[in-house]
Amino acid sequence: MPKPPHRYNEQAQLLILNVLAFFEMEKNQVKNGIPIDCNNIMERASNALKVGRSTLEKIKRRGIQTDKDYLNNITIKQRENKTKISDFMKNKIRDIIYVIKGLA
């Protein structure tokens, strides 16, 4: 039974095209007699993927993260009020805003 086709999202497709274009560029450089530096792997990968070197180093250090893992690492800071306002005052301000906007 044939394997079902895999669908890649836009980001994955863009990365694939970037890598393909990079290797085609290297192929043309070799044809023109320009040597390829095989010692600097991170720099070459950075150029191929069109991402920063530090991004590659972080991904290499952390490994693959799922979207859930990524979202769990994001902290949402609750902003503290600068002054304490009573409920009466909040309702009064809300009423004034509604009157100004013509919603009341």
PDB file of N, CA and C in Angstrom:
ATOM      1  N   MET A   1       0.845  -1.177   0.000  1.00  0.00           N
ATOM      2  CA  MET A   1       0.000   0.000   0.000  1.00  0.00           C
ATOM      3  C   MET A   1       0.893   1.244   0.000  1.00  0.00           C
ATOM      4  N   PRO A   2       0.623   2.201  -0.886  1.00  0.00           N
ATOM      5  CA  PRO A   2       1.484   3.383  -0.961  1.00  0.00           C
ATOM      6  C   PRO A   2       1.325   4.270   0.277  1.00  0.00           C
ATOM      7  N   LYS A   3       2.399   4.943   0.583  1.00  0.00           N
ATOM      8  CA  LYS A   3       2.414   5.841   1.736  1.00  0.00           C
ATOM      9  C   LYS A   3       1.600   7.096   1.402  1.00  0.00           C
ATOM     10  N   PRO A   4       0.734   7.546   2.321  1.00  0.00           N
ATOM     11  CA  PRO A   4      -0.052   8.752   2.025  1.00  0.00           C
ATOM     12  C   PRO A   4       0.861   9.977   1.945  1.00  0.00           C
ATOM     13  N   PRO A   5       0.526  10.926   1.073  1.00  0.00           N
ATOM     14  CA  PRO A   5       1.385  12.105   0.932  1.00  0.00           C
ATOM     15  C   PRO A   5       1.380  12.940   2.209  1.00  0.00           C
ATOM     16  N   HIS A   6       2.551  13.470   2.532  1.00  0.00           N
ATOM     17  CA  HIS A   6       2.673  14.304   3.729  1.00  0.00           C
ATOM     18  C   HIS A   6       2.481  15.755   3.331  1.00  0.00           C
ATOM     19  N   ARG A   7       1.693  16.478   4.096  1.00  0.00           N
ATOM     20  CA  ARG A   7       1.481  17.898   3.823  1.00  0.00           C
ATOM     21  C   ARG A   7       2.367  18.717   4.743  1.00  0.00           C
ATOM     22  N   TYR A   8       3.101  19.630   4.159  1.00  0.00           N
ATOM     23  CA  TYR A   8       3.977  20.510   4.921  1.00  0.00           C
ATOM     24  C   TYR A   8       3.327  21.884   5.023  1.00  0.00           C
ATOM     25  N   ASN A   9       3.451  22.503   6.190  1.00  0.00           N
ATOM     26  CA  ASN A   9       2.901  23.848   6.331  1.00  0.00           C
ATOM     27  C   ASN A   9       3.784  24.842   5.571  1.00  0.00           C
ATOM     28  N   GLU A  10       3.360  26.098   5.528  1.00  0.00           N
ATOM     29  CA  GLU A  10       4.074  27.106   4.736  1.00  0.00           C
ATOM     30  C   GLU A  10       5.510  27.296   5.210  1.00  0.00           C
ATOM     31  N   GLN A  11       5.710  27.277   6.531  1.00  0.00           N
ATOM     32  CA  GLN A  11       7.067  27.460   7.057  1.00  0.00           C
ATOM     33  C   GLN A  11       7.982  26.334   6.617  1.00  0.00           C
ATOM     34  N   ALA A  12       7.492  25.107   6.686  1.00  0.00           N
ATOM     35  CA  ALA A  12       8.310  23.961   6.289  1.00  0.00           C
ATOM     36  C   ALA A  12       8.626  24.033   4.798  1.00  0.00           C
ATOM     37  N   GLN A  13       7.643  24.411   3.985  1.00  0.00           N
ATOM     38  CA  GLN A  13       7.871  24.535   2.550  1.00  0.00           C
ATOM     39  C   GLN A  13       8.923  25.609   2.262  1.00  0.00           C
ATOM     40  N   LEU A  14       8.855  26.730   2.989  1.00  0.00           N
ATOM     41  CA  LEU A  14       9.828  27.804   2.795  1.00  0.00           C
ATOM     42  C   LEU A  14      11.229  27.338   3.166  1.00  0.00           C
ATOM     43  N   LEU A  15      11.360  26.613   4.276  1.00  0.00           N
ATOM     44  CA  LEU A  15      12.671  26.095   4.669  1.00  0.00           C
ATOM     45  C   LEU A  15      13.218  25.126   3.626  1.00  0.00           C
ATOM     46  N   ILE A  16      12.358  24.271   3.100  1.00  0.00           N
ATOM     47  CA  ILE A  16      12.784  23.317   2.073  1.00  0.00           C
ATOM     48  C   ILE A  16      13.281  24.061   0.833  1.00  0.00           C
ATOM     49  N   LEU A  17      12.554  25.091   0.411  1.00  0.00           N
ATOM     50  CA  LEU A  17      12.976  25.875  -0.754  1.00  0.00           C
ATOM     51  C   LEU A  17      14.281  26.620  -0.483  1.00  0.00           C
ATOM     52  N   ASN A  18      14.447  27.139   0.741  1.00  0.00           N
ATOM     53  CA  ASN A  18      15.697  27.827   1.089  1.00  0.00           C
ATOM     54  C   ASN A  18      16.887  26.881   1.017  1.00  0.00           C
ATOM     55  N   VAL A  19      16.731  25.682   1.559  1.00  0.00           N
ATOM     56  CA  VAL A  19      17.825  24.704   1.549  1.00  0.00           C
ATOM     57  C   VAL A  19      18.141  24.286   0.119  1.00  0.00           C
ATOM     58  N   LEU A  20      17.105  24.047  -0.674  1.00  0.00           N
ATOM     59  CA  LEU A  20      17.307  23.662  -2.069  1.00  0.00           C
ATOM     60  C   LEU A  20      18.057  24.755  -2.832  1.00  0.00           C
ATOM     61  N   ALA A  21      17.643  26.010  -2.655  1.00  0.00           N
ATOM     62  CA  ALA A  21      18.314  27.127  -3.332  1.00  0.00           C
ATOM     63  C   ALA A  21      19.767  27.255  -2.869  1.00  0.00           C
ATOM     64  N   PHE A  22      20.019  27.010  -1.588  1.00  0.00           N
ATOM     65  CA  PHE A  22      21.379  27.101  -1.060  1.00  0.00           C
ATOM     66  C   PHE A  22      22.283  26.066  -1.714  1.00  0.00           C
ATOM     67  N   PHE A  23      21.804  24.827  -1.816  1.00  0.00           N
ATOM     68  CA  PHE A  23      22.641  23.786  -2.409  1.00  0.00           C
ATOM     69  C   PHE A  23      22.811  23.987  -3.912  1.00  0.00           C
ATOM     70  N   GLU A  24      21.812  24.554  -4.580  1.00  0.00           N
ATOM     71  CA  GLU A  24      21.981  24.891  -5.993  1.00  0.00           C
ATOM     72  C   GLU A  24      23.040  25.986  -6.152  1.00  0.00           C
ATOM     73  N   MET A  25      23.045  26.962  -5.222  1.00  0.00           N
ATOM     74  CA  MET A  25      24.054  28.015  -5.258  1.00  0.00           C
ATOM     75  C   MET A  25      25.448  27.419  -5.046  1.00  0.00           C
ATOM     76  N   GLU A  26      25.573  26.478  -4.105  1.00  0.00           N
ATOM     77  CA  GLU A  26      26.872  25.832  -3.868  1.00  0.00           C
ATOM     78  C   GLU A  26      27.310  25.021  -5.081  1.00  0.00           C
ATOM     79  N   LYS A  27      26.355  24.373  -5.740  1.00  0.00           N
ATOM     80  CA  LYS A  27      26.682  23.597  -6.939  1.00  0.00           C
ATOM     81  C   LYS A  27      27.254  24.522  -8.015  1.00  0.00           C
ATOM     82  N   ASN A  28      26.653  25.693  -8.182  1.00  0.00           N
ATOM     83  CA  ASN A  28      27.149  26.661  -9.163  1.00  0.00           C
ATOM     84  C   ASN A  28      28.522  27.196  -8.767  1.00  0.00           C
ATOM     85  N   GLN A  29      28.753  27.371  -7.463  1.00  0.00           N
ATOM     86  CA  GLN A  29      30.066  27.836  -7.010  1.00  0.00           C
ATOM     87  C   GLN A  29      31.145  26.808  -7.339  1.00  0.00           C
ATOM     88  N   VAL A  30      30.837  25.530  -7.131  1.00  0.00           N
ATOM     89  CA  VAL A  30      31.810  24.471  -7.426  1.00  0.00           C
ATOM     90  C   VAL A  30      32.087  24.427  -8.928  1.00  0.00           C
ATOM     91  N   LYS A  31      31.034  24.606  -9.741  1.00  0.00           N
ATOM     92  CA  LYS A  31      31.218  24.624 -11.195  1.00  0.00           C
ATOM     93  C   LYS A  31      32.136  25.764 -11.618  1.00  0.00           C
ATOM     94  N   ASN A  32      32.038  26.897 -10.921  1.00  0.00           N
ATOM     95  CA  ASN A  32      32.856  28.070 -11.255  1.00  0.00           C
ATOM     96  C   ASN A  32      34.230  28.027 -10.607  1.00  0.00           C
ATOM     97  N   GLY A  33      34.546  26.954  -9.912  1.00  0.00           N
ATOM     98  CA  GLY A  33      35.874  26.798  -9.328  1.00  0.00           C
ATOM     99  C   GLY A  33      36.047  27.434  -7.961  1.00  0.00           C
ATOM    100  N   ILE A  34      34.955  27.840  -7.317  1.00  0.00           N
ATOM    101  CA  ILE A  34      35.039  28.430  -5.975  1.00  0.00           C
ATOM    102  C   ILE A  34      34.933  27.296  -4.957  1.00  0.00           C
ATOM    103  N   PRO A  35      35.939  27.135  -4.093  1.00  0.00           N
ATOM    104  CA  PRO A  35      35.889  26.028  -3.124  1.00  0.00           C
ATOM    105  C   PRO A  35      34.835  26.272  -2.036  1.00  0.00           C
ATOM    106  N   ILE A  36      34.314  25.172  -1.507  1.00  0.00           N
ATOM    107  CA  ILE A  36      33.313  25.231  -0.439  1.00  0.00           C
ATOM    108  C   ILE A  36      34.007  24.972   0.888  1.00  0.00           C
ATOM    109  N   ASP A  37      33.725  25.822   1.868  1.00  0.00           N
ATOM    110  CA  ASP A  37      34.300  25.664   3.211  1.00  0.00           C
ATOM    111  C   ASP A  37      33.438  24.672   3.991  1.00  0.00           C
ATOM    112  N   CYS A  38      33.937  23.460   4.167  1.00  0.00           N
ATOM    113  CA  CYS A  38      33.185  22.410   4.862  1.00  0.00           C
ATOM    114  C   CYS A  38      33.430  22.404   6.366  1.00  0.00           C
ATOM    115  N   ASN A  39      34.283  23.284   6.865  1.00  0.00           N
ATOM    116  CA  ASN A  39      34.605  23.301   8.289  1.00  0.00           C
ATOM    117  C   ASN A  39      33.570  24.052   9.118  1.00  0.00           C
ATOM    118  N   ASN A  40      32.948  25.059   8.542  1.00  0.00           N
ATOM    119  CA  ASN A  40      32.018  25.894   9.286  1.00  0.00           C
ATOM    120  C   ASN A  40      30.580  25.428   9.046  1.00  0.00           C
ATOM    121  N   ILE A  41      30.196  24.355   9.700  1.00  0.00           N
ATOM    122  CA  ILE A  41      28.896  23.726   9.461  1.00  0.00           C
ATOM    123  C   ILE A  41      27.745  24.618   9.912  1.00  0.00           C
ATOM    124  N   MET A  42      27.865  25.213  11.102  1.00  0.00           N
ATOM    125  CA  MET A  42      26.772  26.039  11.627  1.00  0.00           C
ATOM    126  C   MET A  42      26.512  27.247  10.726  1.00  0.00           C
ATOM    127  N   GLU A  43      27.561  27.849  10.209  1.00  0.00           N
ATOM    128  CA  GLU A  43      27.404  29.006   9.325  1.00  0.00           C
ATOM    129  C   GLU A  43      26.718  28.595   8.020  1.00  0.00           C
ATOM    130  N   ARG A  44      27.116  27.465   7.479  1.00  0.00           N
ATOM    131  CA  ARG A  44      26.498  26.971   6.236  1.00  0.00           C
ATOM    132  C   ARG A  44      25.031  26.633   6.454  1.00  0.00           C
ATOM    133  N   ALA A  45      24.720  25.980   7.570  1.00  0.00           N
ATOM    134  CA  ALA A  45      23.325  25.636   7.874  1.00  0.00           C
ATOM    135  C   ALA A  45      22.502  26.905   8.078  1.00  0.00           C
ATOM    136  N   SER A  46      23.091  27.893   8.739  1.00  0.00           N
ATOM    137  CA  SER A  46      22.412  29.170   8.951  1.00  0.00           C
ATOM    138  C   SER A  46      22.088  29.838   7.618  1.00  0.00           C
ATOM    139  N   ASN A  47      23.048  29.822   6.708  1.00  0.00           N
ATOM    140  CA  ASN A  47      22.815  30.405   5.382  1.00  0.00           C
ATOM    141  C   ASN A  47      21.798  29.606   4.586  1.00  0.00           C
ATOM    142  N   ALA A  48      21.836  28.289   4.702  1.00  0.00           N
ATOM    143  CA  ALA A  48      20.909  27.447   3.947  1.00  0.00           C
ATOM    144  C   ALA A  48      19.472  27.649   4.406  1.00  0.00           C
ATOM    145  N   LEU A  49      19.271  27.754   5.708  1.00  0.00           N
ATOM    146  CA  LEU A  49      17.919  27.875   6.253  1.00  0.00           C
ATOM    147  C   LEU A  49      17.436  29.313   6.352  1.00  0.00           C
ATOM    148  N   LYS A  50      18.359  30.258   6.185  1.00  0.00           N
ATOM    149  CA  LYS A  50      18.060  31.686   6.333  1.00  0.00           C
ATOM    150  C   LYS A  50      17.503  31.983   7.722  1.00  0.00           C
ATOM    151  N   VAL A  51      18.162  31.417   8.733  1.00  0.00           N
ATOM    152  CA  VAL A  51      17.864  31.725  10.131  1.00  0.00           C
ATOM    153  C   VAL A  51      19.180  32.095  10.799  1.00  0.00           C
ATOM    154  N   GLY A  52      19.078  32.736  11.934  1.00  0.00           N
ATOM    155  CA  GLY A  52      20.280  33.154  12.642  1.00  0.00           C
ATOM    156  C   GLY A  52      21.050  31.981  13.226  1.00  0.00           C
ATOM    157  N   ARG A  53      22.330  32.206  13.389  1.00  0.00           N
ATOM    158  CA  ARG A  53      23.189  31.159  13.953  1.00  0.00           C
ATOM    159  C   ARG A  53      22.779  30.832  15.387  1.00  0.00           C
ATOM    160  N   SER A  54      22.418  31.862  16.162  1.00  0.00           N
ATOM    161  CA  SER A  54      22.005  31.630  17.550  1.00  0.00           C
ATOM    162  C   SER A  54      20.720  30.807  17.608  1.00  0.00           C
ATOM    163  N   THR A  55      19.834  30.996  16.626  1.00  0.00           N
ATOM    164  CA  THR A  55      18.613  30.187  16.567  1.00  0.00           C
ATOM    165  C   THR A  55      18.963  28.723  16.372  1.00  0.00           C
ATOM    166  N   LEU A  56      19.894  28.456  15.471  1.00  0.00           N
ATOM    167  CA  LEU A  56      20.326  27.073  15.247  1.00  0.00           C
ATOM    168  C   LEU A  56      20.950  26.478  16.499  1.00  0.00           C
ATOM    169  N   GLU A  57      21.761  27.268  17.187  1.00  0.00           N
ATOM    170  CA  GLU A  57      22.410  26.765  18.397  1.00  0.00           C
ATOM    171  C   GLU A  57      21.390  26.451  19.483  1.00  0.00           C
ATOM    172  N   LYS A  58      20.349  27.300  19.618  1.00  0.00           N
ATOM    173  CA  LYS A  58      19.297  27.043  20.611  1.00  0.00           C
ATOM    174  C   LYS A  58      18.541  25.764  20.280  1.00  0.00           C
ATOM    175  N   ILE A  59      18.187  25.591  19.004  1.00  0.00           N
ATOM    176  CA  ILE A  59      17.445  24.398  18.597  1.00  0.00           C
ATOM    177  C   ILE A  59      18.295  23.158  18.801  1.00  0.00           C
ATOM    178  N   LYS A  60      19.570  23.250  18.490  1.00  0.00           N
ATOM    179  CA  LYS A  60      20.471  22.109  18.669  1.00  0.00           C
ATOM    180  C   LYS A  60      20.583  21.743  20.149  1.00  0.00           C
ATOM    181  N   ARG A  61      20.669  22.761  21.000  1.00  0.00           N
ATOM    182  CA  ARG A  61      20.803  22.520  22.443  1.00  0.00           C
ATOM    183  C   ARG A  61      19.505  21.963  23.039  1.00  0.00           C
ATOM    184  N   ARG A  62      18.350  22.532  22.668  1.00  0.00           N
ATOM    185  CA  ARG A  62      17.065  22.129  23.244  1.00  0.00           C
ATOM    186  C   ARG A  62      16.492  20.863  22.622  1.00  0.00           C
ATOM    187  N   GLY A  63      16.767  20.644  21.358  1.00  0.00           N
ATOM    188  CA  GLY A  63      16.132  19.549  20.641  1.00  0.00           C
ATOM    189  C   GLY A  63      14.799  20.023  20.077  1.00  0.00           C
ATOM    190  N   ILE A  64      14.012  19.087  19.597  1.00  0.00           N
ATOM    191  CA  ILE A  64      12.728  19.418  18.988  1.00  0.00           C
ATOM    192  C   ILE A  64      11.715  19.705  20.086  1.00  0.00           C
ATOM    193  N   GLN A  65      11.010  20.831  19.950  1.00  0.00           N
ATOM    194  CA  GLN A  65       9.964  21.191  20.893  1.00  0.00           C
ATOM    195  C   GLN A  65       8.630  21.169  20.172  1.00  0.00           C
ATOM    196  N   THR A  66       7.632  20.591  20.818  1.00  0.00           N
ATOM    197  CA  THR A  66       6.290  20.624  20.252  1.00  0.00           C
ATOM    198  C   THR A  66       5.675  21.981  20.553  1.00  0.00           C
ATOM    199  N   ASP A  67       4.551  22.267  19.903  1.00  0.00           N
ATOM    200  CA  ASP A  67       3.869  23.532  20.154  1.00  0.00           C
ATOM    201  C   ASP A  67       3.422  23.630  21.610  1.00  0.00           C
ATOM    202  N   LYS A  68       3.003  22.495  22.191  1.00  0.00           N
ATOM    203  CA  LYS A  68       2.571  22.503  23.595  1.00  0.00           C
ATOM    204  C   LYS A  68       3.728  22.875  24.510  1.00  0.00           C
ATOM    205  N   ASP A  69       4.909  22.293  24.256  1.00  0.00           N
ATOM    206  CA  ASP A  69       6.081  22.617  25.075  1.00  0.00           C
ATOM    207  C   ASP A  69       6.414  24.099  24.974  1.00  0.00           C
ATOM    208  N   TYR A  70       6.311  24.624  23.763  1.00  0.00           N
ATOM    209  CA  TYR A  70       6.628  26.034  23.555  1.00  0.00           C
ATOM    210  C   TYR A  70       5.648  26.924  24.313  1.00  0.00           C
ATOM    211  N   LEU A  71       4.354  26.604  24.225  1.00  0.00           N
ATOM    212  CA  LEU A  71       3.349  27.421  24.895  1.00  0.00           C
ATOM    213  C   LEU A  71       3.461  27.326  26.409  1.00  0.00           C
ATOM    214  N   ASN A  72       3.893  26.173  26.929  1.00  0.00           N
ATOM    215  CA  ASN A  72       4.053  26.025  28.371  1.00  0.00           C
ATOM    216  C   ASN A  72       5.179  26.894  28.907  1.00  0.00           C
ATOM    217  N   ASN A  73       6.169  27.197  28.086  1.00  0.00           N
ATOM    218  CA  ASN A  73       7.299  28.013  28.523  1.00  0.00           C
ATOM    219  C   ASN A  73       6.993  29.504  28.525  1.00  0.00           C
ATOM    220  N   ILE A  74       5.916  29.903  27.849  1.00  0.00           N
ATOM    221  CA  ILE A  74       5.557  31.312  27.789  1.00  0.00           C
ATOM    222  C   ILE A  74       4.781  31.674  29.052  1.00  0.00           C
ATOM    223  N   THR A  75       5.243  32.690  29.742  1.00  0.00           N
ATOM    224  CA  THR A  75       4.539  33.149  30.938  1.00  0.00           C
ATOM    225  C   THR A  75       3.852  34.463  30.625  1.00  0.00           C
ATOM    226  N   ILE A  76       2.629  34.578  31.058  1.00  0.00           N
ATOM    227  CA  ILE A  76       1.869  35.802  30.869  1.00  0.00           C
ATOM    228  C   ILE A  76       1.855  36.532  32.206  1.00  0.00           C
ATOM    229  N   LYS A  77       2.468  37.691  32.226  1.00  0.00           N
ATOM    230  CA  LYS A  77       2.528  38.457  33.463  1.00  0.00           C
ATOM    231  C   LYS A  77       1.219  39.213  33.660  1.00  0.00           C
ATOM    232  N   GLN A  78       0.684  39.107  34.846  1.00  0.00           N
ATOM    233  CA  GLN A  78      -0.516  39.853  35.190  1.00  0.00           C
ATOM    234  C   GLN A  78      -0.099  41.261  35.589  1.00  0.00           C
ATOM    235  N   ARG A  79      -0.637  42.231  34.918  1.00  0.00           N
ATOM    236  CA  ARG A  79      -0.281  43.605  35.208  1.00  0.00           C
ATOM    237  C   ARG A  79      -0.972  44.064  36.487  1.00  0.00           C
ATOM    238  N   GLU A  80      -0.230  44.689  37.366  1.00  0.00           N
ATOM    239  CA  GLU A  80      -0.805  45.195  38.607  1.00  0.00           C
ATOM    240  C   GLU A  80      -1.363  46.591  38.376  1.00  0.00           C
ATOM    241  N   ASN A  81      -2.482  46.865  39.034  1.00  0.00           N
ATOM    242  CA  ASN A  81      -3.057  48.200  38.945  1.00  0.00           C
ATOM    243  C   ASN A  81      -2.164  49.185  39.685  1.00  0.00           C
ATOM    244  N   LYS A  82      -2.057  50.390  39.128  1.00  0.00           N
ATOM    245  CA  LYS A  82      -1.209  51.395  39.766  1.00  0.00           C
ATOM    246  C   LYS A  82      -1.864  51.955  41.018  1.00  0.00           C
ATOM    247  N   THR A  83      -3.180  52.070  40.983  1.00  0.00           N
ATOM    248  CA  THR A  83      -3.903  52.562  42.160  1.00  0.00           C
ATOM    249  C   THR A  83      -5.077  51.639  42.433  1.00  0.00           C
ATOM    250  N   LYS A  84      -5.504  51.622  43.672  1.00  0.00           N
ATOM    251  CA  LYS A  84      -6.667  50.820  44.050  1.00  0.00           C
ATOM    252  C   LYS A  84      -7.914  51.669  43.834  1.00  0.00           C
ATOM    253  N   ILE A  85      -8.882  51.096  43.122  1.00  0.00           N
ATOM    254  CA  ILE A  85     -10.132  51.800  42.853  1.00  0.00           C
ATOM    255  C   ILE A  85     -11.267  50.954  43.411  1.00  0.00           C
ATOM    256  N   SER A  86     -12.173  51.603  44.094  1.00  0.00           N
ATOM    257  CA  SER A  86     -13.309  50.879  44.670  1.00  0.00           C
ATOM    258  C   SER A  86     -14.264  50.457  43.557  1.00  0.00           C
ATOM    259  N   ASP A  87     -15.096  49.461  43.853  1.00  0.00           N
ATOM    260  CA  ASP A  87     -16.076  48.990  42.867  1.00  0.00           C
ATOM    261  C   ASP A  87     -17.046  50.101  42.488  1.00  0.00           C
ATOM    262  N   PHE A  88     -17.424  50.928  43.456  1.00  0.00           N
ATOM    263  CA  PHE A  88     -18.324  52.046  43.173  1.00  0.00           C
ATOM    264  C   PHE A  88     -17.712  52.965  42.122  1.00  0.00           C
ATOM    265  N   MET A  89     -16.424  53.295  42.301  1.00  0.00           N
ATOM    266  CA  MET A  89     -15.741  54.199  41.378  1.00  0.00           C
ATOM    267  C   MET A  89     -15.606  53.561  39.993  1.00  0.00           C
ATOM    268  N   LYS A  90     -15.305  52.255  39.937  1.00  0.00           N
ATOM    269  CA  LYS A  90     -15.207  51.555  38.647  1.00  0.00           C
ATOM    270  C   LYS A  90     -16.527  51.636  37.892  1.00  0.00           C
ATOM    271  N   ASN A  91     -17.633  51.384  38.603  1.00  0.00           N
ATOM    272  CA  ASN A  91     -18.949  51.428  37.961  1.00  0.00           C
ATOM    273  C   ASN A  91     -19.281  52.837  37.501  1.00  0.00           C
ATOM    274  N   LYS A  92     -18.919  53.841  38.287  1.00  0.00           N
ATOM    275  CA  LYS A  92     -19.182  55.228  37.921  1.00  0.00           C
ATOM    276  C   LYS A  92     -18.410  55.597  36.650  1.00  0.00           C
ATOM    277  N   ILE A  93     -17.141  55.209  36.584  1.00  0.00           N
ATOM    278  CA  ILE A  93     -16.318  55.480  35.393  1.00  0.00           C
ATOM    279  C   ILE A  93     -16.890  54.760  34.178  1.00  0.00           C
ATOM    280  N   ARG A  94     -17.306  53.509  34.359  1.00  0.00           N
ATOM    281  CA  ARG A  94     -17.897  52.734  33.270  1.00  0.00           C
ATOM    282  C   ARG A  94     -19.158  53.420  32.756  1.00  0.00           C
ATOM    283  N   ASP A  95     -20.014  53.916  33.669  1.00  0.00           N
ATOM    284  CA  ASP A  95     -21.242  54.608  33.272  1.00  0.00           C
ATOM    285  C   ASP A  95     -20.927  55.873  32.484  1.00  0.00           C
ATOM    286  N   ILE A  96     -19.910  56.621  32.918  1.00  0.00           N
ATOM    287  CA  ILE A  96     -19.535  57.853  32.220  1.00  0.00           C
ATOM    288  C   ILE A  96     -19.052  57.530  30.806  1.00  0.00           C
ATOM    289  N   ILE A  97     -18.256  56.476  30.663  1.00  0.00           N
ATOM    290  CA  ILE A  97     -17.757  56.088  29.336  1.00  0.00           C
ATOM    291  C   ILE A  97     -18.912  55.686  28.429  1.00  0.00           C
ATOM    292  N   TYR A  98     -19.871  54.925  28.957  1.00  0.00           N
ATOM    293  CA  TYR A  98     -21.018  54.521  28.151  1.00  0.00           C
ATOM    294  C   TYR A  98     -21.844  55.727  27.725  1.00  0.00           C
ATOM    295  N   VAL A  99     -21.982  56.717  28.602  1.00  0.00           N
ATOM    296  CA  VAL A  99     -22.734  57.923  28.255  1.00  0.00           C
ATOM    297  C   VAL A  99     -22.004  58.685  27.157  1.00  0.00           C
ATOM    298  N   ILE A 100     -20.685  58.796  27.276  1.00  0.00           N
ATOM    299  CA  ILE A 100     -19.900  59.518  26.270  1.00  0.00           C
ATOM    300  C   ILE A 100     -19.995  58.826  24.913  1.00  0.00           C
ATOM    301  N   LYS A 101     -19.928  57.505  24.896  1.00  0.00           N
ATOM    302  CA  LYS A 101     -19.985  56.762  23.632  1.00  0.00           C
ATOM    303  C   LYS A 101     -21.411  56.615  23.118  1.00  0.00           C
ATOM    304  N   GLY A 102     -22.389  56.978  23.916  1.00  0.00           N
ATOM    305  CA  GLY A 102     -23.779  56.883  23.498  1.00  0.00           C
ATOM    306  C   GLY A 102     -24.332  55.478  23.577  1.00  0.00           C
ATOM    307  N   LEU A 103     -23.745  54.645  24.423  1.00  0.00           N
ATOM    308  CA  LEU A 103     -24.208  53.267  24.558  1.00  0.00           C
ATOM    309  C   LEU A 103     -25.243  53.108  25.663  1.00  0.00           C
ATOM    310  N   ALA A 104     -25.431  54.112  26.474  1.00  0.00           N
ATOM    311  CA  ALA A 104     -26.366  53.988  27.592  1.00  0.00           C
ATOM    312  C   ALA A 104     -27.745  54.417  27.191  1.00  0.00           C
TER     313      ALA A 104
END
